Amino acid sequence: MIVMKFGGTSVQDATAINQVAEIVKSKIKLSPVVVVSAMSKVTDALLRIAQTAHDRDYEETKRIIRELCERHVQTARELLAQANAPNAPTKLQEVEQEIHQYFADLDNLARSVATLGELTPRSKDAIVSFGERLSSLIIAATFQAQGINAELVDARDFLITDNHFTCAAPRMDATEARTRTTLLPILNAGRVAVAQGFIGATLEGVTTTIGRGGSDYSAAIIGAALNATAIEIWTDVDGLLTCDPRVVPEARRIRVISFAEAAELSFFGAKVLHPSTVLPAVEKKIPVQIFNTKNPASEGTLILAEAPPSRNLIKAIAFKRGVTVVNVNSTRMLLAHGFLRGIFDVFAKHQTSVDVVTTSEVSVSMTLDSTDRLAAIKRDLSAIGEVNSENEKAIVCVVGDNLKFTPGVAARLFQAISNFNIHMISQGASEINLTFVVENRDVEKVVRQLHQEFFAEVDSTVFE
């Protein structure tokens, strides 16, 4: 049994969905569970609906709802009106009715938000959940019309989460039990289960989401619950690359990489994989494969618990723009216990995560993605020491097997970019990455010079 997740660009229109159907047909013997995202850009449109309703700009809300409804109806018609299945006309009529009902429900939700003038995280989750519910409805009907014995299931029946709306965490015990109860009978009957990514529900049945990009995570959770032989992530690129090809056109495809390396890359900017995806797979030692829907012949990237050794010291380079550095300086830090705890208690209080940390005897520097609560954070930190922040920085993360214990790697790396100013350096917390901070304006040049230094020649068993 395998789990196949198709992202938004893989299901963005009728042509793409037809391609998905062909790919699934080729995997029928592997008993696939298909997990789908919303059609491309639909989640963004649903978030705009939520915001315009909150702003009581109901004319704009109605316009976006109308456009989304027309897009989904048109896609369903393109897929089902010309289908050869004898029941296709009836199926199209049923799907159109369900689509219109979904949008009537969405309109009611938006009116409630507008009436109350309040957009809660719970309401936002209810609104954005329509993207996956609509796409899965259309895709399951398409499969059936094309001869795939498919059954649509509601992920909210088995992916059980806590009530931290917009970023809910799965309750794994309940999720695993319900996933088996819901999906195994479908698979055992020889049918293909079609489920939504990204969404779940509390034990009380209230709709939740597990964060943007969470469809990958949904697929991994389902795969772990069912002890799948593989989890396939189908996207619009050929796999993980040595660097962002928009910055380094000569970037190489990585044939095989470890879970730990892939997790570091995804966290520090590689967009192919959601950072949490690997966690359930790691625990069950289930391989994750990344494939390109538009190029299914490509072998993609295989992610394993432990990757084979490579002659290349560096596996990939990732980066993250728009980072803010917060510096705390205090002579009270010298030989004082509890100082760092006091600093991180402030970030915990304001629910703001820190990416990179460096310390000296009297100072601590930290990088932040989100500056939404920066003013309050700086105010609280000022009770501990002198605080300042620096904007327009970028994190560069160099990932490779056993970097920590490889002599000379740091010297070679920083020699390659010796003409740039480095603000922070972090190595030691992980054996597989070296992370540093540069100016936003320099990051592309830095990354290109590093790629030229470390990937002029590659191990063909690991890279293409």
Protein backbone atom coordinates (compact mmCIF):
# COMPACT_ATOMS: atom_id res chain seq x y z
CA MET A 1 0.00 0.00 0.00
CA ILE A 2 1.26 3.48 -0.88
CA VAL A 3 0.11 7.03 -0.17
CA MET A 4 0.19 9.48 -3.08
CA LYS A 5 -0.11 13.18 -2.34
CA PHE A 6 -0.80 15.63 -5.17
CA GLY A 7 -0.15 19.32 -4.52
CA GLY A 8 -2.03 22.38 -5.73
CA THR A 9 -0.20 22.77 -9.04
CA SER A 10 -0.74 19.05 -9.72
CA VAL A 11 -4.52 19.54 -9.52
CA GLN A 12 -4.77 23.13 -10.73
CA ASP A 13 -7.06 22.48 -13.71
CA ALA A 14 -8.72 19.78 -15.80
CA THR A 15 -5.56 18.99 -17.75
CA ALA A 16 -3.56 18.51 -14.56
CA ILE A 17 -6.27 16.36 -12.95
CA ASN A 18 -6.42 14.13 -16.02
CA GLN A 19 -2.66 13.65 -15.68
CA VAL A 20 -3.13 12.72 -12.02
CA ALA A 21 -5.71 10.12 -13.04
CA GLU A 22 -3.24 8.55 -15.49
CA ILE A 23 -0.53 8.43 -12.82
CA VAL A 24 -2.89 6.80 -10.31
CA LYS A 25 -3.96 4.21 -12.91
CA SER A 26 -0.32 3.21 -13.28
CA LYS A 27 -0.11 2.56 -9.52
CA ILE A 28 -3.38 0.66 -8.98
CA LYS A 29 -1.60 -2.59 -8.16
CA LEU A 30 0.12 -0.84 -5.22
CA SER A 31 -3.24 -0.06 -3.52
CA PRO A 32 -2.90 3.72 -3.38
CA VAL A 33 -4.49 6.18 -0.99
CA VAL A 34 -4.67 9.52 -2.83
CA VAL A 35 -4.34 12.72 -0.79
CA VAL A 36 -5.03 16.01 -2.58
CA SER A 37 -4.48 19.69 -1.96
CA ALA A 38 -6.79 22.49 -3.01
CA MET A 39 -6.48 23.62 -6.61
CA SER A 40 -3.64 26.09 -7.08
CA LYS A 41 -4.28 29.53 -5.54
CA VAL A 42 -7.65 28.50 -4.09
CA THR A 43 -6.47 28.58 -0.47
CA ASP A 44 -5.21 32.15 -0.99
CA ALA A 45 -8.59 33.11 -2.44
CA LEU A 46 -10.40 31.55 0.52
CA LEU A 47 -8.21 33.52 2.92
CA ARG A 48 -9.18 36.68 1.01
CA ILE A 49 -12.83 35.73 1.43
CA ALA A 50 -12.27 35.43 5.17
CA GLN A 51 -10.53 38.80 5.35
CA THR A 52 -12.96 40.74 3.15
CA ALA A 53 -15.89 39.31 5.12
CA HIS A 54 -14.21 40.42 8.34
CA ASP A 55 -13.71 43.88 6.80
CA ARG A 56 -17.41 43.83 5.82
CA ASP A 57 -16.50 44.34 2.17
CA TYR A 58 -19.22 41.91 1.21
CA GLU A 59 -19.35 42.87 -2.46
CA GLU A 60 -15.72 41.78 -2.82
CA THR A 61 -16.44 38.63 -0.80
CA LYS A 62 -19.30 37.72 -3.16
CA ARG A 63 -17.13 38.39 -6.21
CA ILE A 64 -14.40 36.01 -5.04
CA ILE A 65 -16.96 33.35 -4.09
CA ARG A 66 -18.59 33.64 -7.50
CA GLU A 67 -15.25 33.33 -9.33
CA LEU A 68 -14.22 30.30 -7.28
CA CYS A 69 -17.56 28.61 -7.86
CA GLU A 70 -17.34 29.19 -11.61
CA ARG A 71 -13.77 27.83 -11.69
CA HIS A 72 -14.71 24.60 -9.91
CA VAL A 73 -17.88 24.06 -11.93
CA GLN A 74 -16.01 24.66 -15.19
CA THR A 75 -13.26 22.23 -14.17
CA ALA A 76 -15.83 19.57 -13.30
CA ARG A 77 -17.57 20.06 -16.65
CA GLU A 78 -14.31 19.77 -18.59
CA LEU A 79 -13.49 16.54 -16.78
CA LEU A 80 -16.90 14.86 -16.74
CA ALA A 81 -18.93 16.19 -19.66
CA GLN A 82 -16.82 14.30 -22.21
CA ALA A 83 -16.14 11.23 -20.09
CA ASN A 84 -16.92 7.86 -21.67
CA ALA A 85 -18.47 6.36 -18.55
CA PRO A 86 -22.21 5.75 -19.03
CA ASN A 87 -23.07 7.47 -15.76
CA ALA A 88 -20.87 10.54 -16.44
CA PRO A 89 -23.78 12.96 -17.16
CA THR A 90 -25.52 11.94 -13.93
CA LYS A 91 -22.24 12.16 -12.01
CA LEU A 92 -21.60 15.65 -13.40
CA GLN A 93 -25.06 16.79 -12.31
CA GLU A 94 -24.45 15.41 -8.81
CA VAL A 95 -21.01 17.04 -8.57
CA GLU A 96 -22.33 20.41 -9.76
CA GLN A 97 -25.08 20.28 -7.14
CA GLU A 98 -22.55 19.49 -4.42
CA ILE A 99 -20.24 22.29 -5.59
CA HIS A 100 -23.09 24.80 -5.42
CA GLN A 101 -24.03 23.52 -1.97
CA TYR A 102 -20.45 23.95 -0.78
CA PHE A 103 -20.43 27.55 -1.98
CA ALA A 104 -23.81 28.22 -0.38
CA ASP A 105 -22.31 26.98 2.91
CA LEU A 106 -19.22 29.12 2.34
CA ASP A 107 -21.39 32.16 1.68
CA ASN A 108 -23.24 31.57 4.95
CA LEU A 109 -19.95 31.34 6.83
CA ALA A 110 -18.72 34.57 5.27
CA ARG A 111 -22.00 36.32 6.18
CA SER A 112 -21.58 35.17 9.79
CA VAL A 113 -18.07 36.60 9.92
CA ALA A 114 -19.30 39.87 8.41
CA THR A 115 -22.25 40.09 10.80
CA LEU A 116 -20.15 39.48 13.89
CA GLY A 117 -17.21 41.51 12.64
CA GLU A 118 -14.93 38.87 14.08
CA LEU A 119 -12.69 36.40 12.28
CA THR A 120 -11.57 33.73 14.72
CA PRO A 121 -8.96 31.06 13.93
CA ARG A 122 -11.81 28.52 14.11
CA SER A 123 -13.81 30.43 11.49
CA LYS A 124 -10.73 30.79 9.28
CA ASP A 125 -10.14 27.02 9.36
CA ALA A 126 -13.76 26.37 8.45
CA ILE A 127 -13.47 28.71 5.46
CA VAL A 128 -10.14 27.49 4.07
CA SER A 129 -11.16 23.83 4.42
CA PHE A 130 -13.43 24.23 1.37
CA GLY A 131 -10.44 24.17 -0.99
CA GLU A 132 -9.49 20.56 -0.30
CA ARG A 133 -13.11 19.45 0.04
CA LEU A 134 -13.93 20.82 -3.42
CA SER A 135 -10.84 19.47 -5.20
CA SER A 136 -11.25 15.99 -3.70
CA LEU A 137 -14.92 15.91 -4.75
CA ILE A 138 -14.00 16.66 -8.37
CA ILE A 139 -10.99 14.34 -8.43
CA ALA A 140 -12.84 11.35 -6.96
CA ALA A 141 -15.63 11.82 -9.54
CA THR A 142 -13.05 12.05 -12.33
CA PHE A 143 -11.40 8.83 -11.20
CA GLN A 144 -14.75 7.06 -11.20
CA ALA A 145 -15.60 8.38 -14.67
CA GLN A 146 -12.25 7.10 -15.95
CA GLY A 147 -12.71 3.61 -14.63
CA ILE A 148 -10.83 3.90 -11.34
CA ASN A 149 -12.76 2.24 -8.51
CA ALA A 150 -12.43 5.27 -6.23
CA GLU A 151 -14.18 6.30 -3.03
CA LEU A 152 -14.21 9.80 -1.59
CA VAL A 153 -13.53 9.97 2.15
CA ASP A 154 -13.60 12.93 4.51
CA ALA A 155 -10.25 13.40 6.28
CA ARG A 156 -12.11 15.00 9.17
CA ASP A 157 -13.48 11.56 10.02
CA PHE A 158 -10.05 10.17 10.81
CA LEU A 159 -7.36 12.88 11.06
CA ILE A 160 -8.01 13.95 14.65
CA THR A 161 -6.26 17.03 16.01
CA ASP A 162 -6.15 19.30 19.02
CA ASN A 163 -8.02 22.62 18.91
CA HIS A 164 -5.12 24.91 18.01
CA PHE A 165 -6.94 26.22 14.97
CA THR A 166 -4.85 27.16 11.87
CA CYS A 167 -1.91 25.08 13.15
CA ALA A 168 -3.51 22.09 14.85
CA ALA A 169 -1.39 19.13 15.95
CA PRO A 170 -2.60 15.60 15.20
CA ARG A 171 -3.62 13.36 18.09
CA MET A 172 -1.71 10.40 16.75
CA ASP A 173 -3.29 7.59 18.76
CA ALA A 174 -6.83 8.58 17.80
CA THR A 175 -5.76 9.36 14.24
CA GLU A 176 -4.03 6.02 13.71
CA ALA A 177 -7.01 4.05 15.04
CA ARG A 178 -9.58 5.97 12.98
CA THR A 179 -7.41 5.95 9.85
CA ARG A 180 -7.22 2.16 9.92
CA THR A 181 -10.93 1.82 10.64
CA THR A 182 -11.88 4.20 7.82
CA LEU A 183 -9.38 3.39 5.07
CA LEU A 184 -8.44 -0.27 5.42
CA PRO A 185 -11.90 -1.58 4.45
CA ILE A 186 -11.76 0.56 1.29
CA LEU A 187 -8.29 -0.70 0.38
CA ASN A 188 -9.15 -4.30 1.21
CA ALA A 189 -12.12 -4.05 -1.15
CA GLY A 190 -9.75 -3.06 -3.97
CA ARG A 191 -10.85 0.58 -4.11
CA VAL A 192 -8.76 3.75 -4.23
CA ALA A 193 -9.42 6.09 -1.30
CA VAL A 194 -9.38 9.81 -2.15
CA ALA A 195 -8.88 12.08 0.86
CA GLN A 196 -8.13 15.72 1.58
CA GLY A 197 -4.79 16.92 2.82
CA PHE A 198 -4.34 19.85 5.21
CA ILE A 199 -7.63 19.46 7.08
CA GLY A 200 -8.74 17.46 10.11
CA ALA A 201 -11.13 17.80 13.02
CA THR A 202 -11.13 17.83 16.80
CA LEU A 203 -12.55 14.93 18.79
CA GLU A 204 -15.76 16.97 18.89
CA GLY A 205 -15.86 17.14 15.09
CA VAL A 206 -14.85 20.81 14.66
CA THR A 207 -12.89 21.44 11.45
CA THR A 208 -9.19 22.28 11.85
CA THR A 209 -6.17 22.74 9.59
CA ILE A 210 -2.60 21.68 10.24
CA GLY A 211 -0.94 24.72 8.71
CA ARG A 212 -0.04 25.89 5.20
CA GLY A 213 1.65 23.16 3.20
CA GLY A 214 0.13 20.60 5.54
CA SER A 215 -1.06 18.24 2.81
CA ASP A 216 2.41 16.67 2.81
CA TYR A 217 2.08 16.16 6.54
CA SER A 218 -1.39 14.65 6.11
CA ALA A 219 0.02 12.13 3.62
CA ALA A 220 2.82 11.17 5.99
CA ILE A 221 0.41 10.76 8.91
CA ILE A 222 -1.85 8.51 6.83
CA GLY A 223 1.13 6.55 5.56
CA ALA A 224 2.45 6.03 9.08
CA ALA A 225 -0.97 4.97 10.39
CA LEU A 226 -1.33 2.38 7.64
CA ASN A 227 2.34 1.27 7.64
CA ALA A 228 2.60 2.17 3.97
CA THR A 229 5.47 0.84 1.89
CA ALA A 230 6.11 4.34 0.53
CA ILE A 231 4.80 7.90 0.66
CA GLU A 232 4.88 9.69 -2.69
CA ILE A 233 4.83 13.50 -2.88
CA TRP A 234 3.80 14.58 -6.38
CA THR A 235 4.63 18.19 -7.15
CA ASP A 236 5.78 20.40 -10.05
CA VAL A 237 9.55 19.80 -9.87
CA ASP A 238 11.68 16.70 -10.44
CA GLY A 239 12.65 16.37 -6.76
CA LEU A 240 14.94 18.01 -4.26
CA LEU A 241 17.72 19.99 -5.91
CA THR A 242 21.13 21.08 -4.70
CA CYS A 243 19.83 24.66 -4.67
CA ASP A 244 16.90 26.79 -5.83
CA PRO A 245 17.14 26.65 -9.65
CA ARG A 246 15.78 30.18 -9.91
CA VAL A 247 19.01 31.32 -8.25
CA VAL A 248 21.36 28.59 -9.49
CA PRO A 249 20.15 27.40 -12.93
CA GLU A 250 22.76 24.61 -12.94
CA ALA A 251 21.40 23.09 -9.71
CA ARG A 252 21.50 19.26 -9.71
CA ARG A 253 18.75 16.83 -8.79
CA ILE A 254 19.48 14.85 -5.65
CA ARG A 255 18.74 11.17 -6.28
CA VAL A 256 18.79 10.09 -2.64
CA ILE A 257 19.01 11.97 0.66
CA SER A 258 18.52 11.22 4.34
CA PHE A 259 15.44 12.19 6.33
CA ALA A 260 17.55 14.46 8.55
CA GLU A 261 19.09 16.28 5.59
CA ALA A 262 15.71 16.73 3.90
CA ALA A 263 14.20 18.10 7.13
CA GLU A 264 16.96 20.70 7.48
CA LEU A 265 16.55 21.79 3.86
CA SER A 266 12.78 22.10 4.10
CA PHE A 267 12.96 24.09 7.31
CA PHE A 268 15.51 26.52 5.91
CA GLY A 269 13.76 27.36 2.69
CA ALA A 270 13.48 24.39 0.31
CA LYS A 271 9.80 24.62 -0.72
CA VAL A 272 9.40 21.16 -2.23
CA LEU A 273 8.70 19.48 1.09
CA HIS A 274 6.77 20.61 4.17
CA PRO A 275 9.13 20.61 7.20
CA SER A 276 6.93 18.32 9.30
CA THR A 277 6.39 15.78 6.53
CA VAL A 278 9.29 13.56 7.39
CA LEU A 279 8.46 13.12 11.07
CA PRO A 280 5.81 10.36 10.92
CA ALA A 281 7.75 8.66 8.12
CA VAL A 282 10.99 8.69 10.13
CA GLU A 283 9.34 6.98 13.07
CA LYS A 284 8.04 4.16 10.87
CA LYS A 285 11.09 4.12 8.55
CA ILE A 286 8.82 4.63 5.52
CA PRO A 287 10.66 5.96 2.46
CA VAL A 288 9.37 9.24 1.00
CA GLN A 289 9.64 9.79 -2.74
CA ILE A 290 9.27 13.13 -4.51
CA PHE A 291 8.00 13.02 -8.10
CA ASN A 292 7.04 15.53 -10.79
CA THR A 293 3.43 15.26 -12.01
CA LYS A 294 4.42 16.99 -15.25
CA ASN A 295 7.36 14.63 -15.76
CA PRO A 296 6.34 11.28 -14.26
CA ALA A 297 9.20 9.49 -16.04
CA SER A 298 11.74 11.22 -13.78
CA GLU A 299 12.94 9.05 -10.91
CA GLY A 300 12.64 12.02 -8.53
CA THR A 301 14.25 12.06 -5.09
CA LEU A 302 14.22 9.21 -2.60
CA ILE A 303 14.33 10.13 1.09
CA LEU A 304 15.54 7.39 3.43
CA ALA A 305 16.24 7.11 7.15
CA GLU A 306 19.93 6.84 6.24
CA ALA A 307 21.25 7.79 2.82
CA PRO A 308 24.24 6.07 1.21
CA PRO A 309 27.60 7.85 1.49
CA SER A 310 28.46 10.49 -1.09
CA ARG A 311 31.80 11.67 -2.42
CA ASN A 312 30.40 15.20 -2.23
CA LEU A 313 30.81 16.81 1.16
CA ILE A 314 27.75 19.07 0.69
CA LYS A 315 24.34 17.66 -0.26
CA ALA A 316 22.47 20.94 -0.81
CA ILE A 317 22.27 24.65 -0.04
CA ALA A 318 19.07 26.32 1.18
CA PHE A 319 18.35 29.90 2.15
CA LYS A 320 15.64 31.99 3.72
CA ARG A 321 15.18 35.69 2.99
CA GLY A 322 13.52 38.41 5.07
CA VAL A 323 15.00 37.40 8.40
CA THR A 324 15.28 39.69 11.43
CA VAL A 325 18.14 39.36 13.93
CA VAL A 326 17.47 40.26 17.57
CA ASN A 327 20.50 40.94 19.78
CA VAL A 328 20.43 40.96 23.59
CA ASN A 329 23.51 42.25 25.41
CA SER A 330 23.97 42.21 29.18
CA THR A 331 26.96 41.94 31.50
CA ARG A 332 24.60 40.14 33.90
CA MET A 333 24.78 37.17 31.56
CA LEU A 334 28.41 36.49 32.52
CA LEU A 335 28.50 33.32 34.69
CA ALA A 336 24.77 33.71 35.44
CA HIS A 337 22.46 30.71 35.37
CA GLY A 338 18.91 31.05 34.08
CA PHE A 339 19.80 33.92 31.75
CA LEU A 340 18.98 32.09 28.53
CA ARG A 341 15.81 30.68 30.02
CA GLY A 342 14.64 34.21 30.75
CA ILE A 343 15.22 35.22 27.14
CA PHE A 344 13.41 32.25 25.65
CA ASP A 345 10.56 32.61 28.11
CA VAL A 346 9.88 35.95 26.41
CA PHE A 347 9.64 34.33 22.98
CA ALA A 348 7.42 31.59 24.38
CA LYS A 349 5.15 34.18 25.95
CA HIS A 350 4.70 35.88 22.58
CA GLN A 351 4.41 32.57 20.67
CA THR A 352 7.29 33.45 18.35
CA SER A 353 9.77 30.83 17.19
CA VAL A 354 13.51 31.34 16.86
CA ASP A 355 15.51 29.74 14.02
CA VAL A 356 19.21 30.34 14.67
CA VAL A 357 20.89 31.19 17.99
CA THR A 358 24.46 32.23 18.75
CA THR A 359 25.86 33.23 22.14
CA SER A 360 28.93 34.81 23.66
CA GLU A 361 29.79 35.61 27.26
CA VAL A 362 27.57 38.67 27.37
CA SER A 363 25.28 38.53 24.33
CA VAL A 364 22.76 36.40 22.52
CA SER A 365 21.71 36.77 18.87
CA MET A 366 18.59 35.12 17.43
CA THR A 367 16.89 35.10 14.05
CA LEU A 368 13.13 35.44 13.61
CA ASP A 369 10.88 34.73 10.64
CA SER A 370 7.90 36.61 12.03
CA THR A 371 8.14 40.16 13.35
CA ASP A 372 4.43 40.46 14.16
CA ARG A 373 5.16 40.72 17.88
CA LEU A 374 8.66 42.16 17.70
CA ALA A 375 7.84 45.41 19.52
CA ALA A 376 6.38 43.55 22.50
CA ILE A 377 9.27 41.07 22.49
CA LYS A 378 11.86 43.86 22.52
CA ARG A 379 10.00 45.61 25.32
CA ASP A 380 10.07 42.51 27.52
CA LEU A 381 13.68 41.69 26.63
CA SER A 382 14.77 45.19 27.65
CA ALA A 383 14.23 44.10 31.25
CA ILE A 384 17.03 41.57 30.73
CA GLY A 385 19.55 43.67 28.80
CA GLU A 386 20.19 46.06 25.95
CA VAL A 387 18.16 45.04 22.90
CA ASN A 388 18.46 45.90 19.25
CA SER A 389 17.23 44.34 16.02
CA GLU A 390 18.52 44.20 12.45
CA ASN A 391 16.24 43.72 9.45
CA GLU A 392 16.80 42.60 5.87
CA LYS A 393 19.00 39.62 6.68
CA ALA A 394 19.03 36.13 5.17
CA ILE A 395 19.87 32.67 6.52
CA VAL A 396 22.03 30.33 4.45
CA CYS A 397 22.01 26.65 5.42
CA VAL A 398 24.59 24.23 4.02
CA VAL A 399 23.56 20.60 4.51
CA GLY A 400 25.65 17.46 4.22
CA ASP A 401 26.37 14.19 5.96
CA ASN A 402 28.58 14.47 9.06
CA LEU A 403 29.67 18.07 8.42
CA LYS A 404 30.35 18.62 12.11
CA PHE A 405 33.14 16.06 12.14
CA THR A 406 34.71 16.84 8.75
CA PRO A 407 37.94 18.83 9.19
CA GLY A 408 38.34 21.91 7.06
CA VAL A 409 34.77 22.23 5.83
CA ALA A 410 34.16 25.58 7.52
CA ALA A 411 37.47 26.97 6.30
CA ARG A 412 36.70 25.94 2.73
CA LEU A 413 33.16 27.30 2.91
CA PHE A 414 34.02 30.71 4.29
CA GLN A 415 37.04 31.07 2.02
CA ALA A 416 34.67 30.65 -0.93
CA ILE A 417 32.60 33.64 0.25
CA SER A 418 35.36 35.66 1.91
CA ASN A 419 34.22 38.83 0.10
CA PHE A 420 30.92 38.93 2.03
CA ASN A 421 30.16 39.98 5.58
CA ILE A 422 28.89 37.16 7.85
CA HIS A 423 26.69 38.19 10.81
CA MET A 424 26.06 34.94 12.68
CA ILE A 425 27.48 31.42 12.44
CA SER A 426 25.86 28.34 13.96
CA GLN A 427 27.32 24.85 13.90
CA GLY A 428 27.25 22.14 16.53
CA ALA A 429 23.58 21.67 17.30
CA SER A 430 23.35 19.43 14.25
CA GLU A 431 25.93 17.15 12.70
CA ILE A 432 24.61 17.80 9.22
CA ASN A 433 24.30 21.54 8.77
CA LEU A 434 26.26 24.74 9.01
CA THR A 435 24.12 27.87 9.15
CA PHE A 436 25.06 31.51 8.88
CA VAL A 437 23.43 34.91 8.33
CA VAL A 438 24.23 37.43 5.58
CA GLU A 439 22.66 40.55 4.17
CA ASN A 440 19.50 40.00 2.11
CA ARG A 441 21.08 41.79 -0.83
CA ASP A 442 24.04 39.38 -0.83
CA VAL A 443 22.31 36.04 -0.41
CA GLU A 444 21.97 35.08 -4.09
CA LYS A 445 25.63 35.84 -4.82
CA VAL A 446 26.68 33.91 -1.70
CA VAL A 447 24.64 30.88 -2.68
CA ARG A 448 25.93 30.89 -6.27
CA GLN A 449 29.56 31.06 -5.13
CA LEU A 450 29.04 28.22 -2.66
CA HIS A 451 27.34 26.08 -5.28
CA GLN A 452 30.20 26.65 -7.70
CA GLU A 453 32.70 25.69 -4.99
CA PHE A 454 31.03 22.48 -3.84
CA PHE A 455 29.20 21.18 -6.93
CA ALA A 456 31.66 21.70 -9.78
CA GLU A 457 31.91 17.90 -9.79
CA VAL A 458 29.29 15.54 -8.36
CA ASP A 459 28.90 11.92 -7.32
CA SER A 460 26.67 10.46 -10.05
CA THR A 461 25.21 7.86 -7.68
CA VAL A 462 23.75 10.65 -5.52
CA PHE A 463 23.23 13.50 -8.01
CA GLU A 464 22.05 13.85 -11.58
